[in-house]
C-alpha atoms as a PDB file:
ATOM      1  CA  UNK A   1    -114.504  62.428-154.159  1.00  0.00           C
ATOM      2  CA  UNK A   2    -117.851  63.047-152.034  1.00  0.00           C
ATOM      3  CA  UNK A   3    -119.697  66.273-151.320  1.00  0.00           C
ATOM      4  CA  UNK A   4    -118.200  66.281-147.540  1.00  0.00           C
ATOM      5  CA  UNK A   5    -114.565  65.659-148.987  1.00  0.00           C
ATOM      6  CA  UNK A   6    -114.990  68.510-151.415  1.00  0.00           C
ATOM      7  CA  UNK A   7    -116.266  70.936-148.842  1.00  0.00           C
ATOM      8  CA  UNK A   8    -113.441  70.078-146.343  1.00  0.00           C
ATOM      9  CA  UNK A   9    -110.991  70.712-149.105  1.00  0.00           C
ATOM     10  CA  UNK A  10    -112.603  74.211-150.208  1.00  0.00           C
ATOM     11  CA  UNK A  11    -112.411  75.266-146.538  1.00  0.00           C
ATOM     12  CA  UNK A  12    -108.553  74.262-146.473  1.00  0.00           C
ATOM     13  CA  UNK A  13    -108.118  75.996-149.555  1.00  0.00           C
ATOM     14  CA  UNK A  14    -109.727  79.151-148.438  1.00  0.00           C
ATOM     15  CA  UNK A  15    -107.666  78.943-145.020  1.00  0.00           C
ATOM     16  CA  UNK A  16    -104.526  78.612-147.028  1.00  0.00           C
ATOM     17  CA  UNK A  17    -105.302  81.827-149.197  1.00  0.00           C
ATOM     18  CA  UNK A  18    -106.160  83.655-145.845  1.00  0.00           C
ATOM     19  CA  UNK A  19    -102.764  82.793-144.279  1.00  0.00           C
ATOM     20  CA  UNK A  20    -100.105  85.644-144.340  1.00  0.00           C
ATOM     21  CA  UNK A  21     -97.273  83.490-145.411  1.00  0.00           C
ATOM     22  CA  UNK A  22     -98.997  80.751-147.283  1.00  0.00           C
ATOM     23  CA  UNK A  23    -101.408  82.916-149.269  1.00  0.00           C
ATOM     24  CA  UNK A  24     -98.500  85.008-150.568  1.00  0.00           C
ATOM     25  CA  UNK A  25     -97.140  81.719-152.319  1.00  0.00           C
ATOM     26  CA  UNK A  26    -100.259  82.473-154.750  1.00  0.00           C
ATOM     27  CA  UNK A  27    -101.804  85.538-156.275  1.00  0.00           C
ATOM     28  CA  UNK A  28    -104.454  86.547-158.433  1.00  0.00           C
ATOM     29  CA  UNK A  29    -104.012  87.894-162.072  1.00  0.00           C
ATOM     30  CA  UNK A  30    -105.695  90.732-163.354  1.00  0.00           C
ATOM     31  CA  UNK A  31    -108.491  88.433-164.914  1.00  0.00           C
ATOM     32  CA  UNK A  32    -108.940  86.751-160.989  1.00  0.00           C
ATOM     33  CA  UNK A  33    -107.203  83.251-161.909  1.00  0.00           C
ATOM     34  CA  UNK A  34    -104.885  82.336-159.014  1.00  0.00           C
ATOM     35  CA  UNK A  35    -101.235  81.875-160.124  1.00  0.00           C
ATOM     36  CA  UNK A  36     -98.183  80.962-158.213  1.00  0.00           C
ATOM     37  CA  UNK A  37     -96.250  83.774-156.820  1.00  0.00           C
ATOM     38  CA  UNK A  38     -92.408  83.640-156.698  1.00  0.00           C
ATOM     39  CA  UNK A  39     -91.581  81.799-153.295  1.00  0.00           C
ATOM     40  CA  UNK A  40     -88.040  82.418-153.468  1.00  0.00           C
ATOM     41  CA  UNK A  41     -88.558  86.270-153.287  1.00  0.00           C
ATOM     42  CA  UNK A  42     -90.132  85.672-149.713  1.00  0.00           C
ATOM     43  CA  UNK A  43     -86.448  84.376-148.744  1.00  0.00           C
ATOM     44  CA  UNK A  44     -83.933  85.931-151.041  1.00  0.00           C
ATOM     45  CA  UNK A  45     -85.422  89.735-151.915  1.00  0.00           C
ATOM     46  CA  UNK A  46     -85.189  89.061-155.258  1.00  0.00           C
ATOM     47  CA  UNK A  47     -88.369  91.047-156.649  1.00  0.00           C
ATOM     48  CA  UNK A  48     -90.323  89.335-159.318  1.00  0.00           C
ATOM     49  CA  UNK A  49     -89.673  86.444-161.526  1.00  0.00           C
ATOM     50  CA  UNK A  50     -90.182  88.099-164.883  1.00  0.00           C
ATOM     51  CA  UNK A  51     -88.234  88.706-166.752  1.00  0.00           C
ATOM     52  CA  UNK A  52     -85.599  86.091-166.259  1.00  0.00           C
ATOM     53  CA  UNK A  53     -82.193  87.806-165.901  1.00  0.00           C
ATOM     54  CA  UNK A  54     -78.610  86.739-166.067  1.00  0.00           C
ATOM     55  CA  UNK A  55     -76.064  89.325-164.443  1.00  0.00           C
ATOM     56  CA  UNK A  56     -72.294  88.723-164.624  1.00  0.00           C
ATOM     57  CA  UNK A  57     -69.214  90.687-164.539  1.00  0.00           C
ATOM     58  CA  UNK A  58     -66.692  90.614-167.266  1.00  0.00           C
ATOM     59  CA  UNK A  59     -63.574  92.632-166.675  1.00  0.00           C
ATOM     60  CA  UNK A  60     -64.743  96.571-165.875  1.00  0.00           C
ATOM     61  CA  UNK A  61     -68.333  95.864-167.030  1.00  0.00           C
ATOM     62  CA  UNK A  62     -71.431  94.228-165.346  1.00  0.00           C
ATOM     63  CA  UNK A  63     -73.600  92.929-168.129  1.00  0.00           C
ATOM     64  CA  UNK A  64     -77.525  92.126-167.718  1.00  0.00           C
ATOM     65  CA  UNK A  65     -79.161  89.835-170.094  1.00  0.00           C
ATOM     66  CA  UNK A  66     -83.015  89.786-169.556  1.00  0.00           C
ATOM     67  CA  UNK A  67     -85.652  87.610-171.295  1.00  0.00           C
ATOM     68  CA  UNK A  68     -88.527  89.870-172.603  1.00  0.00           C
ATOM     69  CA  UNK A  69     -89.951  87.452-175.583  1.00  0.00           C
ATOM     70  CA  UNK A  70     -92.985  88.639-177.322  1.00  0.00           C
ATOM     71  CA  UNK A  71     -92.888  92.212-175.627  1.00  0.00           C
ATOM     72  CA  UNK A  72     -92.880  95.435-177.724  1.00  0.00           C
ATOM     73  CA  UNK A  73     -89.770  98.104-176.925  1.00  0.00           C
ATOM     74  CA  UNK A  74     -92.444 100.819-175.696  1.00  0.00           C
ATOM     75  CA  UNK A  75     -94.048  98.280-173.153  1.00  0.00           C
ATOM     76  CA  UNK A  76     -91.252  98.198-170.754  1.00  0.00           C
ATOM     77  CA  UNK A  77     -88.568 100.499-169.663  1.00  0.00           C
ATOM     78  CA  UNK A  78     -84.927 100.240-167.757  1.00  0.00           C
ATOM     79  CA  UNK A  79     -83.850 102.763-164.966  1.00  0.00           C
ATOM     80  CA  UNK A  80     -80.999 103.087-162.303  1.00  0.00           C
ATOM     81  CA  UNK A  81     -81.735 104.146-159.141  1.00  0.00           C
ATOM     82  CA  UNK A  82     -79.980 103.797-155.700  1.00  0.00           C
ATOM     83  CA  UNK A  83     -77.667 100.978-157.136  1.00  0.00           C
ATOM     84  CA  UNK A  84     -80.181  99.108-158.602  1.00  0.00           C
ATOM     85  CA  UNK A  85     -81.212  98.363-162.159  1.00  0.00           C
ATOM     86  CA  UNK A  86     -85.226  98.441-162.511  1.00  0.00           C
ATOM     87  CA  UNK A  87     -87.001  97.019-165.358  1.00  0.00           C
ATOM     88  CA  UNK A  88     -90.645  97.704-165.470  1.00  0.00           C
ATOM     89  CA  UNK A  89     -92.903  96.885-167.987  1.00  0.00           C
ATOM     90  CA  UNK A  90     -96.290  94.845-168.977  1.00  0.00           C
ATOM     91  CA  UNK A  91     -97.164  91.904-171.449  1.00  0.00           C
ATOM     92  CA  UNK A  92    -100.594  92.689-173.052  1.00  0.00           C
ATOM     93  CA  UNK A  93    -101.715  89.378-174.349  1.00  0.00           C
ATOM     94  CA  UNK A  94    -105.572  90.126-173.949  1.00  0.00           C
ATOM     95  CA  UNK A  95    -106.793  91.545-176.850  1.00  0.00           C
ATOM     96  CA  UNK A  96    -110.205  93.101-177.397  1.00  0.00           C
ATOM     97  CA  UNK A  97    -112.695  91.847-180.134  1.00  0.00           C
ATOM     98  CA  UNK A  98    -111.560  88.298-179.841  1.00  0.00           C
ATOM     99  CA  UNK A  99    -113.425  85.110-178.262  1.00  0.00           C
ATOM    100  CA  UNK A 100    -110.860  83.128-176.557  1.00  0.00           C
ATOM    101  CA  UNK A 101    -111.065  79.297-176.787  1.00  0.00           C
ATOM    102  CA  UNK A 102    -107.993  78.755-174.461  1.00  0.00           C
ATOM    103  CA  UNK A 103    -106.018  81.828-172.698  1.00  0.00           C
ATOM    104  CA  UNK A 104    -103.040  80.561-171.242  1.00  0.00           C
ATOM    105  CA  UNK A 105    -100.957  83.654-171.654  1.00  0.00           C
ATOM    106  CA  UNK A 106    -101.832  86.086-168.903  1.00  0.00           C
ATOM    107  CA  UNK A 107    -101.465  89.955-169.427  1.00  0.00           C
ATOM    108  CA  UNK A 108     -99.489  91.384-166.441  1.00  0.00           C
ATOM    109  CA  UNK A 109     -97.279  93.997-165.206  1.00  0.00           C
ATOM    110  CA  UNK A 110     -93.669  93.399-163.964  1.00  0.00           C
ATOM    111  CA  UNK A 111     -90.959  94.851-161.911  1.00  0.00           C
ATOM    112  CA  UNK A 112     -87.490  93.604-161.422  1.00  0.00           C
ATOM    113  CA  UNK A 113     -84.667  95.153-159.278  1.00  0.00           C
ATOM    114  CA  UNK A 114     -81.349  93.927-159.421  1.00  0.00           C
ATOM    115  CA  UNK A 115     -78.744  95.185-157.138  1.00  0.00           C
ATOM    116  CA  UNK A 116     -75.357  96.403-158.587  1.00  0.00           C
ATOM    117  CA  UNK A 117     -72.791  96.117-155.776  1.00  0.00           C
ATOM    118  CA  UNK A 118     -70.298  98.423-157.775  1.00  0.00           C
ATOM    119  CA  UNK A 119     -69.833 102.194-158.471  1.00  0.00           C
ATOM    120  CA  UNK A 120     -71.125 102.558-162.040  1.00  0.00           C
ATOM    121  CA  UNK A 121     -70.141 105.235-164.806  1.00  0.00           C
ATOM    122  CA  UNK A 122     -73.970 106.016-165.327  1.00  0.00           C
ATOM    123  CA  UNK A 123     -73.126 108.176-168.795  1.00  0.00           C
ATOM    124  CA  UNK A 124     -71.636 105.049-170.392  1.00  0.00           C
ATOM    125  CA  UNK A 125     -74.293 102.509-169.662  1.00  0.00           C
ATOM    126  CA  UNK A 126     -75.707 101.110-172.964  1.00  0.00           C
ATOM    127  CA  UNK A 127     -78.433  98.898-173.893  1.00  0.00           C
ATOM    128  CA  UNK A 128     -79.745  96.597-176.630  1.00  0.00           C
ATOM    129  CA  UNK A 129     -82.911  94.896-177.477  1.00  0.00           C
ATOM    130  CA  UNK A 130     -83.106  92.183-180.215  1.00  0.00           C
ATOM    131  CA  UNK A 131     -85.348  89.060-180.711  1.00  0.00           C
ATOM    132  CA  UNK A 132     -86.756  89.378-177.046  1.00  0.00           C
ATOM    133  CA  UNK A 133     -83.215  89.644-175.553  1.00  0.00           C
ATOM    134  CA  UNK A 134     -82.367  93.123-173.198  1.00  0.00           C
ATOM    135  CA  UNK A 135     -78.842  93.336-172.914  1.00  0.00           C
ATOM    136  CA  UNK A 136     -77.406  96.056-170.598  1.00  0.00           C
ATOM    137  CA  UNK A 137     -74.042  96.856-170.399  1.00  0.00           C
ATOM    138  CA  UNK A 138     -72.883  98.848-167.124  1.00  0.00           C
ATOM    139  CA  UNK A 139     -69.321 100.205-166.989  1.00  0.00           C
ATOM    140  CA  UNK A 140     -68.069 100.085-163.386  1.00  0.00           C
ATOM    141  CA  UNK A 141     -65.205 101.901-161.697  1.00  0.00           C
ATOM    142  CA  UNK A 142     -61.831  99.959-161.251  1.00  0.00           C
ATOM    143  CA  UNK A 143     -61.449  98.661-157.764  1.00  0.00           C
ATOM    144  CA  UNK A 144     -59.489 100.952-155.676  1.00  0.00           C
ATOM    145  CA  UNK A 145     -57.039  99.908-153.036  1.00  0.00           C
ATOM    146  CA  UNK A 146     -58.089  99.963-149.480  1.00  0.00           C
ATOM    147  CA  UNK A 147     -57.063 102.926-147.263  1.00  0.00           C
ATOM    148  CA  UNK A 148     -56.335 102.871-143.585  1.00  0.00           C
ATOM    149  CA  UNK A 149     -58.555 105.275-141.865  1.00  0.00           C
ATOM    150  CA  UNK A 150     -56.941 106.843-138.679  1.00  0.00           C
ATOM    151  CA  UNK A 151     -59.054 107.213-135.392  1.00  0.00           C
ATOM    152  CA  UNK A 152     -59.273 110.628-134.103  1.00  0.00           C
ATOM    153  CA  UNK A 153     -59.472 110.570-130.185  1.00  0.00           C
ATOM    154  CA  UNK A 154     -61.440 113.577-128.300  1.00  0.00           C
ATOM    155  CA  UNK A 155     -59.098 115.115-125.931  1.00  0.00           C
END
């Protein structure tokens, strides 16, 4: 590649990073390195790709399984707010007093919001965390039958 071709490539790269849509496909981590973003979040509204989750219904229970390998229990929390399960935390892989020869695992903060489209029984939610798998068991109210709502006319 010639120097002129390299300059064009560098200019194009800068334009992509400054473009509002295309630039959102990548971001910089705390170390200043460019890393891919989650392009699906632009279109599907799911926040974050970490942690990877499965959410399914079994009877009158919603079960969330979230992968959190290598993270300590004190480095994340789970909340229920406004019909969403929120999993927040941080991976701390950059350790002091180490001379890294290769550093592929980034330190990062994450937040994942999962919409729960059912009426939840908050007092009965249970969680477990073993071998890097967070399991959240969310009891829900039984489906109620539809009720007709009469119209009231102003007279």
